[in-house]
Amino acid sequence: MFFTIPTIMTWTRIVAIPLIVGVFYAPLEPATRNLIATVMFVVFAATDWLDGFLARKLNQTSSFGAFLDPVADKFLVCASLLVLVHLQRADVFVALIIIGREIAISALREWMAQIGASKSVAVHMIGKVKTSVQMTAIPFLLYDGRLLGAIDTGVWGTWLIWASAVLTVWSMVYYLQKALPEIRARVK
């Protein structure tokens, strides 16, 4: 199950990272760079939904795919956030909140899996909403212009990335609360 269609699609999100970063070093007009990076991010982010759908539809689910999928998502989001901080389109504080939460919750999930309590920190709706807001904010900030002549993506992206940071903290608190009984039981 290492090279199934869904797993290959997941790998494309990891391969996309240097491509998206590299666009901003290409000798192109800034608006062209922004558009290319935005389109690339949207296309590669869409593979997150598509690979899961295909894995279920083609009966190609695997534990490796289940491991790699969230890792690819986190790499794509974290790399994009670092680019946005570098371009001064996202606040470093927002990036620290989001990246810090991803590291903390990944570590928590790993530990909970080791003690056989991974169901207590299974993905919840608040985590899905957080991801949806992030995946909307990031392309808006990458584009950094007027969409359809009316929508200032820089302004909307900034509001959405801050909303994402709030949802990030909220989801982290939720997962920690769910894990706390297991943590307390193991500390004794």
N, C-alpha and C. Protein backbone atom coordinates (compact mmCIF):
# COMPACT_ATOMS: atom_id res chain seq x y z
N MET A 1 0.81 -1.21 0.00
CA MET A 1 0.00 0.00 0.00
C MET A 1 0.85 1.27 0.00
N PHE A 2 2.14 1.12 -0.31
CA PHE A 2 3.04 2.27 -0.31
C PHE A 2 2.83 3.14 -1.54
N PHE A 3 2.52 2.53 -2.70
CA PHE A 3 2.36 3.29 -3.93
C PHE A 3 0.98 3.07 -4.55
N THR A 4 -0.05 3.35 -3.81
CA THR A 4 -1.40 3.34 -4.35
C THR A 4 -1.69 4.74 -4.90
N ILE A 5 -2.75 4.88 -5.66
CA ILE A 5 -3.12 6.19 -6.21
C ILE A 5 -3.33 7.21 -5.08
N PRO A 6 -4.09 6.87 -4.02
CA PRO A 6 -4.27 7.84 -2.94
C PRO A 6 -2.95 8.22 -2.24
N THR A 7 -2.09 7.24 -2.04
CA THR A 7 -0.81 7.53 -1.37
C THR A 7 0.08 8.41 -2.24
N ILE A 8 0.10 8.15 -3.53
CA ILE A 8 0.87 8.99 -4.45
C ILE A 8 0.35 10.43 -4.40
N MET A 9 -0.97 10.58 -4.35
CA MET A 9 -1.55 11.93 -4.25
C MET A 9 -1.12 12.61 -2.96
N THR A 10 -1.03 11.85 -1.88
CA THR A 10 -0.56 12.41 -0.62
C THR A 10 0.89 12.84 -0.75
N TRP A 11 1.71 12.01 -1.39
CA TRP A 11 3.12 12.37 -1.60
C TRP A 11 3.25 13.67 -2.40
N THR A 12 2.29 13.92 -3.31
CA THR A 12 2.38 15.15 -4.12
C THR A 12 2.30 16.40 -3.25
N ARG A 13 1.58 16.32 -2.13
CA ARG A 13 1.51 17.49 -1.23
C ARG A 13 2.88 17.77 -0.61
N ILE A 14 3.63 16.72 -0.33
CA ILE A 14 4.97 16.92 0.23
C ILE A 14 5.92 17.44 -0.85
N VAL A 15 5.82 16.89 -2.05
CA VAL A 15 6.66 17.33 -3.17
C VAL A 15 6.33 18.78 -3.55
N ALA A 16 5.09 19.19 -3.33
CA ALA A 16 4.65 20.54 -3.70
C ALA A 16 5.33 21.62 -2.88
N ILE A 17 5.79 21.29 -1.70
CA ILE A 17 6.32 22.32 -0.79
C ILE A 17 7.49 23.08 -1.42
N PRO A 18 8.55 22.42 -1.89
CA PRO A 18 9.62 23.22 -2.49
C PRO A 18 9.19 23.94 -3.76
N LEU A 19 8.19 23.40 -4.46
CA LEU A 19 7.71 24.06 -5.67
C LEU A 19 7.00 25.38 -5.31
N ILE A 20 6.15 25.34 -4.30
CA ILE A 20 5.44 26.56 -3.88
C ILE A 20 6.44 27.59 -3.34
N VAL A 21 7.38 27.14 -2.54
CA VAL A 21 8.39 28.06 -2.01
C VAL A 21 9.24 28.61 -3.16
N GLY A 22 9.62 27.74 -4.08
CA GLY A 22 10.47 28.15 -5.19
C GLY A 22 9.85 29.19 -6.10
N VAL A 23 8.53 29.20 -6.20
CA VAL A 23 7.85 30.19 -7.03
C VAL A 23 8.24 31.60 -6.61
N PHE A 24 8.40 31.82 -5.32
CA PHE A 24 8.70 33.16 -4.82
C PHE A 24 10.15 33.57 -5.06
N TYR A 25 10.96 32.65 -5.56
CA TYR A 25 12.34 32.96 -5.93
C TYR A 25 12.52 33.00 -7.44
N ALA A 26 11.46 32.73 -8.17
CA ALA A 26 11.51 32.73 -9.64
C ALA A 26 11.52 34.17 -10.15
N PRO A 27 12.20 34.40 -11.28
CA PRO A 27 12.25 35.76 -11.84
C PRO A 27 10.95 36.10 -12.57
N LEU A 28 9.90 36.28 -11.79
CA LEU A 28 8.58 36.60 -12.32
C LEU A 28 8.05 37.86 -11.66
N GLU A 29 7.06 38.45 -12.29
CA GLU A 29 6.38 39.59 -11.66
C GLU A 29 5.72 39.12 -10.36
N PRO A 30 5.68 39.97 -9.33
CA PRO A 30 5.07 39.56 -8.06
C PRO A 30 3.63 39.03 -8.21
N ALA A 31 2.82 39.68 -9.03
CA ALA A 31 1.44 39.21 -9.20
C ALA A 31 1.39 37.82 -9.83
N THR A 32 2.32 37.54 -10.73
CA THR A 32 2.39 36.23 -11.38
C THR A 32 2.82 35.17 -10.36
N ARG A 33 3.83 35.50 -9.55
CA ARG A 33 4.26 34.58 -8.48
C ARG A 33 3.10 34.26 -7.56
N ASN A 34 2.39 35.31 -7.14
CA ASN A 34 1.27 35.12 -6.22
C ASN A 34 0.21 34.20 -6.81
N LEU A 35 -0.12 34.43 -8.07
CA LEU A 35 -1.15 33.62 -8.73
C LEU A 35 -0.70 32.17 -8.86
N ILE A 36 0.53 31.94 -9.30
CA ILE A 36 1.02 30.57 -9.46
C ILE A 36 1.05 29.85 -8.11
N ALA A 37 1.57 30.50 -7.07
CA ALA A 37 1.63 29.87 -5.75
C ALA A 37 0.23 29.56 -5.22
N THR A 38 -0.70 30.47 -5.45
CA THR A 38 -2.08 30.27 -4.99
C THR A 38 -2.71 29.07 -5.69
N VAL A 39 -2.58 29.03 -7.01
CA VAL A 39 -3.17 27.91 -7.76
C VAL A 39 -2.53 26.60 -7.33
N MET A 40 -1.21 26.59 -7.18
CA MET A 40 -0.53 25.37 -6.75
C MET A 40 -1.03 24.93 -5.37
N PHE A 41 -1.14 25.87 -4.43
CA PHE A 41 -1.59 25.52 -3.10
C PHE A 41 -3.00 24.94 -3.15
N VAL A 42 -3.90 25.58 -3.88
CA VAL A 42 -5.29 25.12 -3.96
C VAL A 42 -5.36 23.72 -4.58
N VAL A 43 -4.62 23.51 -5.65
CA VAL A 43 -4.63 22.20 -6.32
C VAL A 43 -4.09 21.12 -5.39
N PHE A 44 -2.94 21.39 -4.77
CA PHE A 44 -2.35 20.38 -3.90
C PHE A 44 -3.17 20.18 -2.62
N ALA A 45 -3.75 21.24 -2.09
CA ALA A 45 -4.59 21.10 -0.90
C ALA A 45 -5.84 20.28 -1.22
N ALA A 46 -6.35 20.41 -2.45
CA ALA A 46 -7.53 19.64 -2.85
C ALA A 46 -7.24 18.14 -2.87
N THR A 47 -5.98 17.77 -3.05
CA THR A 47 -5.65 16.34 -3.04
C THR A 47 -5.90 15.73 -1.66
N ASP A 48 -5.96 16.56 -0.61
CA ASP A 48 -6.25 16.04 0.72
C ASP A 48 -7.63 15.39 0.75
N TRP A 49 -8.60 16.06 0.18
CA TRP A 49 -9.94 15.48 0.13
C TRP A 49 -9.98 14.32 -0.86
N LEU A 50 -9.36 14.54 -2.03
CA LEU A 50 -9.44 13.55 -3.10
C LEU A 50 -8.75 12.24 -2.74
N ASP A 51 -7.59 12.30 -2.07
CA ASP A 51 -6.91 11.04 -1.75
C ASP A 51 -7.70 10.20 -0.76
N GLY A 52 -8.34 10.86 0.20
CA GLY A 52 -9.19 10.12 1.14
C GLY A 52 -10.40 9.50 0.46
N PHE A 53 -11.01 10.28 -0.43
CA PHE A 53 -12.16 9.78 -1.18
C PHE A 53 -11.77 8.56 -2.01
N LEU A 54 -10.65 8.68 -2.74
CA LEU A 54 -10.21 7.57 -3.59
C LEU A 54 -9.78 6.36 -2.78
N ALA A 55 -9.15 6.59 -1.65
CA ALA A 55 -8.73 5.46 -0.81
C ALA A 55 -9.95 4.63 -0.39
N ARG A 56 -11.02 5.32 -0.01
CA ARG A 56 -12.23 4.60 0.38
C ARG A 56 -12.92 3.98 -0.83
N LYS A 57 -13.03 4.73 -1.92
CA LYS A 57 -13.73 4.27 -3.12
C LYS A 57 -13.02 3.07 -3.77
N LEU A 58 -11.68 3.13 -3.80
CA LEU A 58 -10.90 2.05 -4.43
C LEU A 58 -10.48 0.97 -3.44
N ASN A 59 -10.95 1.12 -2.21
CA ASN A 59 -10.58 0.19 -1.14
C ASN A 59 -9.05 0.07 -1.00
N GLN A 60 -8.39 1.23 -0.99
CA GLN A 60 -6.94 1.28 -0.88
C GLN A 60 -6.51 2.03 0.38
N THR A 61 -7.29 1.89 1.43
CA THR A 61 -6.89 2.51 2.69
C THR A 61 -5.75 1.69 3.29
N SER A 62 -4.88 2.37 3.99
CA SER A 62 -3.76 1.68 4.64
C SER A 62 -3.32 2.45 5.86
N SER A 63 -2.64 1.78 6.76
CA SER A 63 -2.14 2.47 7.95
C SER A 63 -1.06 3.47 7.55
N PHE A 64 -0.27 3.14 6.51
CA PHE A 64 0.75 4.09 6.05
C PHE A 64 0.09 5.34 5.49
N GLY A 65 -0.95 5.17 4.69
CA GLY A 65 -1.68 6.32 4.15
C GLY A 65 -2.31 7.15 5.26
N ALA A 66 -2.87 6.48 6.26
CA ALA A 66 -3.47 7.19 7.40
C ALA A 66 -2.42 7.98 8.18
N PHE A 67 -1.19 7.47 8.21
CA PHE A 67 -0.08 8.18 8.87
C PHE A 67 0.38 9.36 8.00
N LEU A 68 0.60 9.10 6.70
CA LEU A 68 1.20 10.10 5.82
C LEU A 68 0.28 11.28 5.55
N ASP A 69 -1.03 11.05 5.44
CA ASP A 69 -1.98 12.10 5.08
C ASP A 69 -1.90 13.31 6.00
N PRO A 70 -2.03 13.17 7.32
CA PRO A 70 -1.94 14.36 8.16
C PRO A 70 -0.54 14.98 8.19
N VAL A 71 0.49 14.15 8.00
CA VAL A 71 1.86 14.68 7.96
C VAL A 71 2.01 15.60 6.74
N ALA A 72 1.51 15.15 5.59
CA ALA A 72 1.58 15.96 4.37
C ALA A 72 0.83 17.27 4.55
N ASP A 73 -0.36 17.21 5.17
CA ASP A 73 -1.14 18.42 5.41
C ASP A 73 -0.38 19.40 6.27
N LYS A 74 0.21 18.89 7.34
CA LYS A 74 0.93 19.76 8.27
C LYS A 74 2.16 20.38 7.61
N PHE A 75 2.90 19.59 6.82
CA PHE A 75 4.04 20.13 6.09
C PHE A 75 3.61 21.25 5.15
N LEU A 76 2.55 21.01 4.40
CA LEU A 76 2.08 22.00 3.43
C LEU A 76 1.65 23.29 4.13
N VAL A 77 0.88 23.17 5.20
CA VAL A 77 0.42 24.34 5.93
C VAL A 77 1.58 25.07 6.58
N CYS A 78 2.46 24.35 7.26
CA CYS A 78 3.58 24.99 7.97
C CYS A 78 4.53 25.68 7.00
N ALA A 79 4.85 25.04 5.89
CA ALA A 79 5.74 25.66 4.90
C ALA A 79 5.10 26.91 4.32
N SER A 80 3.81 26.84 4.03
CA SER A 80 3.11 28.01 3.48
C SER A 80 3.07 29.14 4.49
N LEU A 81 2.85 28.82 5.75
CA LEU A 81 2.85 29.85 6.79
C LEU A 81 4.22 30.52 6.90
N LEU A 82 5.28 29.74 6.81
CA LEU A 82 6.62 30.31 6.89
C LEU A 82 6.88 31.24 5.70
N VAL A 83 6.43 30.85 4.52
CA VAL A 83 6.55 31.73 3.35
C VAL A 83 5.78 33.02 3.60
N LEU A 84 4.57 32.91 4.13
CA LEU A 84 3.75 34.10 4.38
C LEU A 84 4.37 35.01 5.43
N VAL A 85 4.98 34.44 6.45
CA VAL A 85 5.68 35.25 7.45
C VAL A 85 6.85 35.96 6.78
N HIS A 86 7.60 35.23 5.98
CA HIS A 86 8.75 35.81 5.27
C HIS A 86 8.31 36.96 4.37
N LEU A 87 7.16 36.81 3.71
CA LEU A 87 6.63 37.85 2.83
C LEU A 87 5.92 38.96 3.60
N GLN A 88 5.86 38.83 4.91
CA GLN A 88 5.19 39.78 5.81
C GLN A 88 3.69 39.88 5.52
N ARG A 89 3.10 38.75 5.18
CA ARG A 89 1.66 38.69 4.95
C ARG A 89 0.93 37.99 6.09
N ALA A 90 1.69 37.37 6.97
CA ALA A 90 1.11 36.71 8.15
C ALA A 90 2.01 37.06 9.34
N ASP A 91 1.39 37.24 10.46
CA ASP A 91 2.11 37.56 11.69
C ASP A 91 2.83 36.33 12.21
N VAL A 92 4.05 36.52 12.68
CA VAL A 92 4.83 35.40 13.21
C VAL A 92 4.12 34.75 14.40
N PHE A 93 3.38 35.54 15.17
CA PHE A 93 2.64 35.02 16.32
C PHE A 93 1.59 34.00 15.87
N VAL A 94 0.90 34.30 14.77
CA VAL A 94 -0.09 33.37 14.21
C VAL A 94 0.60 32.07 13.79
N ALA A 95 1.73 32.22 13.10
CA ALA A 95 2.46 31.03 12.65
C ALA A 95 2.92 30.19 13.84
N LEU A 96 3.41 30.83 14.88
CA LEU A 96 3.85 30.10 16.06
C LEU A 96 2.70 29.35 16.72
N ILE A 97 1.54 29.98 16.80
CA ILE A 97 0.36 29.33 17.39
C ILE A 97 -0.01 28.09 16.57
N ILE A 98 -0.12 28.26 15.26
CA ILE A 98 -0.58 27.17 14.41
C ILE A 98 0.46 26.05 14.36
N ILE A 99 1.71 26.39 14.13
CA ILE A 99 2.76 25.36 14.04
C ILE A 99 2.97 24.70 15.39
N GLY A 100 2.96 25.48 16.47
CA GLY A 100 3.11 24.91 17.81
C GLY A 100 2.00 23.93 18.14
N ARG A 101 0.78 24.28 17.79
CA ARG A 101 -0.36 23.39 18.03
C ARG A 101 -0.21 22.10 17.24
N GLU A 102 0.22 22.21 15.99
CA GLU A 102 0.37 21.02 15.16
C GLU A 102 1.40 20.07 15.76
N ILE A 103 2.49 20.61 16.25
CA ILE A 103 3.52 19.77 16.88
C ILE A 103 2.98 19.15 18.17
N ALA A 104 2.34 19.97 18.99
CA ALA A 104 1.83 19.48 20.29
C ALA A 104 0.76 18.40 20.10
N ILE A 105 -0.18 18.63 19.23
CA ILE A 105 -1.27 17.65 19.05
C ILE A 105 -0.76 16.40 18.34
N SER A 106 0.19 16.54 17.43
CA SER A 106 0.78 15.35 16.80
C SER A 106 1.49 14.50 17.85
N ALA A 107 2.24 15.15 18.72
CA ALA A 107 2.93 14.42 19.79
C ALA A 107 1.93 13.77 20.74
N LEU A 108 0.87 14.50 21.08
CA LEU A 108 -0.17 13.96 21.95
C LEU A 108 -0.83 12.73 21.31
N ARG A 109 -1.16 12.83 20.04
CA ARG A 109 -1.79 11.70 19.35
C ARG A 109 -0.85 10.50 19.29
N GLU A 110 0.42 10.75 19.07
CA GLU A 110 1.41 9.66 19.04
C GLU A 110 1.47 8.98 20.41
N TRP A 111 1.53 9.77 21.45
CA TRP A 111 1.60 9.20 22.79
C TRP A 111 0.31 8.45 23.14
N MET A 112 -0.83 9.03 22.79
CA MET A 112 -2.11 8.38 23.07
C MET A 112 -2.23 7.06 22.30
N ALA A 113 -1.69 7.01 21.09
CA ALA A 113 -1.69 5.76 20.33
C ALA A 113 -0.82 4.71 21.01
N GLN A 114 0.31 5.14 21.54
CA GLN A 114 1.21 4.20 22.23
C GLN A 114 0.58 3.59 23.46
N ILE A 115 -0.28 4.35 24.14
CA ILE A 115 -0.91 3.81 25.35
C ILE A 115 -2.28 3.20 25.05
N GLY A 116 -2.64 3.13 23.77
CA GLY A 116 -3.90 2.49 23.37
C GLY A 116 -5.12 3.34 23.60
N ALA A 117 -4.97 4.66 23.61
CA ALA A 117 -6.11 5.55 23.85
C ALA A 117 -6.29 6.57 22.74
N SER A 118 -5.97 6.19 21.52
CA SER A 118 -6.02 7.15 20.42
C SER A 118 -7.44 7.63 20.10
N LYS A 119 -8.45 6.84 20.46
CA LYS A 119 -9.82 7.26 20.17
C LYS A 119 -10.21 8.52 20.93
N SER A 120 -9.57 8.75 22.08
CA SER A 120 -9.93 9.95 22.85
C SER A 120 -9.46 11.23 22.18
N VAL A 121 -8.51 11.14 21.24
CA VAL A 121 -8.05 12.34 20.52
C VAL A 121 -8.26 12.21 19.01
N ALA A 122 -9.29 11.45 18.64
CA ALA A 122 -9.64 11.31 17.22
C ALA A 122 -10.09 12.67 16.68
N VAL A 123 -9.96 12.83 15.38
CA VAL A 123 -10.31 14.10 14.75
C VAL A 123 -11.76 14.46 15.07
N HIS A 124 -11.95 15.71 15.48
CA HIS A 124 -13.27 16.22 15.86
C HIS A 124 -13.65 17.35 14.90
N MET A 125 -14.91 17.71 14.89
CA MET A 125 -15.41 18.75 14.00
C MET A 125 -14.65 20.07 14.16
N ILE A 126 -14.27 20.43 15.38
CA ILE A 126 -13.55 21.69 15.58
C ILE A 126 -12.22 21.67 14.83
N GLY A 127 -11.57 20.52 14.79
CA GLY A 127 -10.33 20.39 14.04
C GLY A 127 -10.56 20.52 12.54
N LYS A 128 -11.68 19.98 12.07
CA LYS A 128 -12.02 20.08 10.65
C LYS A 128 -12.35 21.52 10.26
N VAL A 129 -13.06 22.22 11.13
CA VAL A 129 -13.38 23.63 10.87
C VAL A 129 -12.09 24.45 10.85
N LYS A 130 -11.21 24.20 11.80
CA LYS A 130 -9.92 24.89 11.86
C LYS A 130 -9.16 24.70 10.57
N THR A 131 -9.11 23.47 10.09
CA THR A 131 -8.40 23.16 8.85
C THR A 131 -9.05 23.87 7.66
N SER A 132 -10.36 23.88 7.59
CA SER A 132 -11.06 24.55 6.49
C SER A 132 -10.76 26.05 6.47
N VAL A 133 -10.76 26.67 7.63
CA VAL A 133 -10.47 28.11 7.70
C VAL A 133 -9.02 28.37 7.29
N GLN A 134 -8.09 27.53 7.77
CA GLN A 134 -6.68 27.66 7.36
C GLN A 134 -6.53 27.53 5.86
N MET A 135 -7.18 26.52 5.30
CA MET A 135 -7.04 26.23 3.87
C MET A 135 -7.73 27.27 3.00
N THR A 136 -8.53 28.13 3.59
CA THR A 136 -9.09 29.27 2.88
C THR A 136 -8.19 30.49 3.05
N ALA A 137 -7.71 30.69 4.26
CA ALA A 137 -6.87 31.86 4.56
C ALA A 137 -5.56 31.83 3.79
N ILE A 138 -4.91 30.69 3.74
CA ILE A 138 -3.57 30.62 3.12
C ILE A 138 -3.58 31.02 1.64
N PRO A 139 -4.47 30.47 0.81
CA PRO A 139 -4.45 30.94 -0.58
C PRO A 139 -4.83 32.41 -0.73
N PHE A 140 -5.71 32.91 0.13
CA PHE A 140 -6.03 34.34 0.10
C PHE A 140 -4.76 35.16 0.35
N LEU A 141 -3.98 34.75 1.33
CA LEU A 141 -2.75 35.48 1.67
C LEU A 141 -1.67 35.27 0.60
N LEU A 142 -1.61 34.10 0.01
CA LEU A 142 -0.65 33.88 -1.08
C LEU A 142 -0.99 34.76 -2.28
N TYR A 143 -2.26 34.89 -2.58
CA TYR A 143 -2.70 35.69 -3.73
C TYR A 143 -2.43 37.17 -3.50
N ASP A 144 -2.81 37.68 -2.35
CA ASP A 144 -2.51 39.05 -1.91
C ASP A 144 -2.86 40.10 -2.96
N GLY A 145 -4.10 40.09 -3.38
CA GLY A 145 -4.56 41.08 -4.36
C GLY A 145 -6.07 41.16 -4.35
N ARG A 146 -6.60 41.72 -5.40
CA ARG A 146 -8.05 41.83 -5.53
C ARG A 146 -8.57 40.66 -6.36
N LEU A 147 -9.50 39.93 -5.78
CA LEU A 147 -10.11 38.79 -6.45
C LEU A 147 -11.43 39.26 -7.06
N LEU A 148 -11.61 39.01 -8.33
CA LEU A 148 -12.81 39.44 -9.05
C LEU A 148 -13.01 40.95 -8.96
N GLY A 149 -11.94 41.67 -8.76
CA GLY A 149 -11.98 43.13 -8.70
C GLY A 149 -12.62 43.69 -7.44
N ALA A 150 -13.07 42.83 -6.54
CA ALA A 150 -13.81 43.33 -5.38
C ALA A 150 -13.28 42.83 -4.04
N ILE A 151 -12.81 41.62 -3.99
CA ILE A 151 -12.43 41.01 -2.71
C ILE A 151 -10.94 41.23 -2.45
N ASP A 152 -10.64 41.96 -1.39
CA ASP A 152 -9.24 42.18 -1.01
C ASP A 152 -8.77 40.94 -0.24
N THR A 153 -8.06 40.07 -0.94
CA THR A 153 -7.68 38.80 -0.33
C THR A 153 -6.70 38.97 0.82
N GLY A 154 -5.91 40.04 0.80
CA GLY A 154 -4.99 40.30 1.91
C GLY A 154 -5.75 40.56 3.20
N VAL A 155 -6.78 41.39 3.12
CA VAL A 155 -7.60 41.71 4.31
C VAL A 155 -8.36 40.47 4.77
N TRP A 156 -9.06 39.82 3.83
CA TRP A 156 -9.83 38.62 4.19
C TRP A 156 -8.92 37.51 4.70
N GLY A 157 -7.78 37.34 4.06
CA GLY A 157 -6.83 36.32 4.49
C GLY A 157 -6.32 36.57 5.89
N THR A 158 -6.05 37.85 6.20
CA THR A 158 -5.57 38.20 7.55
C THR A 158 -6.63 37.88 8.59
N TRP A 159 -7.87 38.27 8.33
CA TRP A 159 -8.96 37.95 9.27
C TRP A 159 -9.12 36.44 9.42
N LEU A 160 -9.07 35.74 8.33
CA LEU A 160 -9.26 34.28 8.38
C LEU A 160 -8.10 33.57 9.07
N ILE A 161 -6.87 34.05 8.87
CA ILE A 161 -5.74 33.37 9.51
C ILE A 161 -5.78 33.60 11.02
N TRP A 162 -6.23 34.79 11.44
CA TRP A 162 -6.40 35.03 12.89
C TRP A 162 -7.54 34.19 13.44
N ALA A 163 -8.62 34.06 12.68
CA ALA A 163 -9.72 33.18 13.10
C ALA A 163 -9.22 31.75 13.21
N SER A 164 -8.37 31.36 12.28
CA SER A 164 -7.77 30.04 12.31
C SER A 164 -6.92 29.85 13.56
N ALA A 165 -6.18 30.90 13.95
CA ALA A 165 -5.36 30.80 15.16
C ALA A 165 -6.23 30.60 16.39
N VAL A 166 -7.36 31.30 16.44
CA VAL A 166 -8.29 31.14 17.57
C VAL A 166 -8.85 29.71 17.57
N LEU A 167 -9.27 29.23 16.40
CA LEU A 167 -9.78 27.86 16.30
C LEU A 167 -8.70 26.84 16.63
N THR A 168 -7.47 27.17 16.30
CA THR A 168 -6.33 26.29 16.60
C THR A 168 -6.19 26.11 18.10
N VAL A 169 -6.24 27.21 18.84
CA VAL A 169 -6.14 27.14 20.30
C VAL A 169 -7.34 26.39 20.85
N TRP A 170 -8.53 26.71 20.35
CA TRP A 170 -9.75 26.06 20.81
C TRP A 170 -9.67 24.55 20.60
N SER A 171 -9.23 24.13 19.41
CA SER A 171 -9.15 22.70 19.14
C SER A 171 -8.08 22.03 20.00
N MET A 172 -6.98 22.73 20.26
CA MET A 172 -5.94 22.16 21.11
C MET A 172 -6.46 21.94 22.52
N VAL A 173 -7.20 22.93 23.04
CA VAL A 173 -7.78 22.79 24.38
C VAL A 173 -8.76 21.61 24.39
N TYR A 174 -9.56 21.49 23.33
CA TYR A 174 -10.51 20.39 23.25
C TYR A 174 -9.80 19.04 23.32
N TYR A 175 -8.76 18.86 22.49
CA TYR A 175 -8.04 17.59 22.47
C TYR A 175 -7.31 17.32 23.79
N LEU A 176 -6.76 18.35 24.38
CA LEU A 176 -6.09 18.17 25.68
C LEU A 176 -7.09 17.76 26.75
N GLN A 177 -8.28 18.36 26.74
CA GLN A 177 -9.31 17.97 27.70
C GLN A 177 -9.73 16.52 27.50
N LYS A 178 -9.83 16.09 26.27
CA LYS A 178 -10.19 14.70 25.99
C LYS A 178 -9.09 13.73 26.45
N ALA A 179 -7.84 14.16 26.36
CA ALA A 179 -6.72 13.30 26.73
C ALA A 179 -6.41 13.34 28.22
N LEU A 180 -6.85 14.37 28.90
CA LEU A 180 -6.48 14.57 30.30
C LEU A 180 -6.80 13.39 31.21
N PRO A 181 -7.97 12.75 31.11
CA PRO A 181 -8.21 11.58 31.97
C PRO A 181 -7.18 10.47 31.78
N GLU A 182 -6.81 10.22 30.53
CA GLU A 182 -5.80 9.19 30.26
C GLU A 182 -4.42 9.61 30.78
N ILE A 183 -4.12 10.89 30.61
CA ILE A 183 -2.83 11.40 31.10
C ILE A 183 -2.76 11.27 32.62
N ARG A 184 -3.83 11.68 33.31
CA ARG A 184 -3.86 11.58 34.78
C ARG A 184 -3.74 10.15 35.24
N ALA A 185 -4.40 9.23 34.53
CA ALA A 185 -4.35 7.82 34.92
C ALA A 185 -2.95 7.24 34.77
N ARG A 186 -2.19 7.73 33.80
CA ARG A 186 -0.84 7.21 33.55
C ARG A 186 0.22 7.86 34.44
N VAL A 187 -0.06 9.05 34.94
CA VAL A 187 0.93 9.76 35.75
C VAL A 187 1.01 9.20 37.17
N LYS A 188 -0.08 8.63 37.66
CA LYS A 188 -0.13 8.13 39.04
C LYS A 188 0.88 7.07 39.31
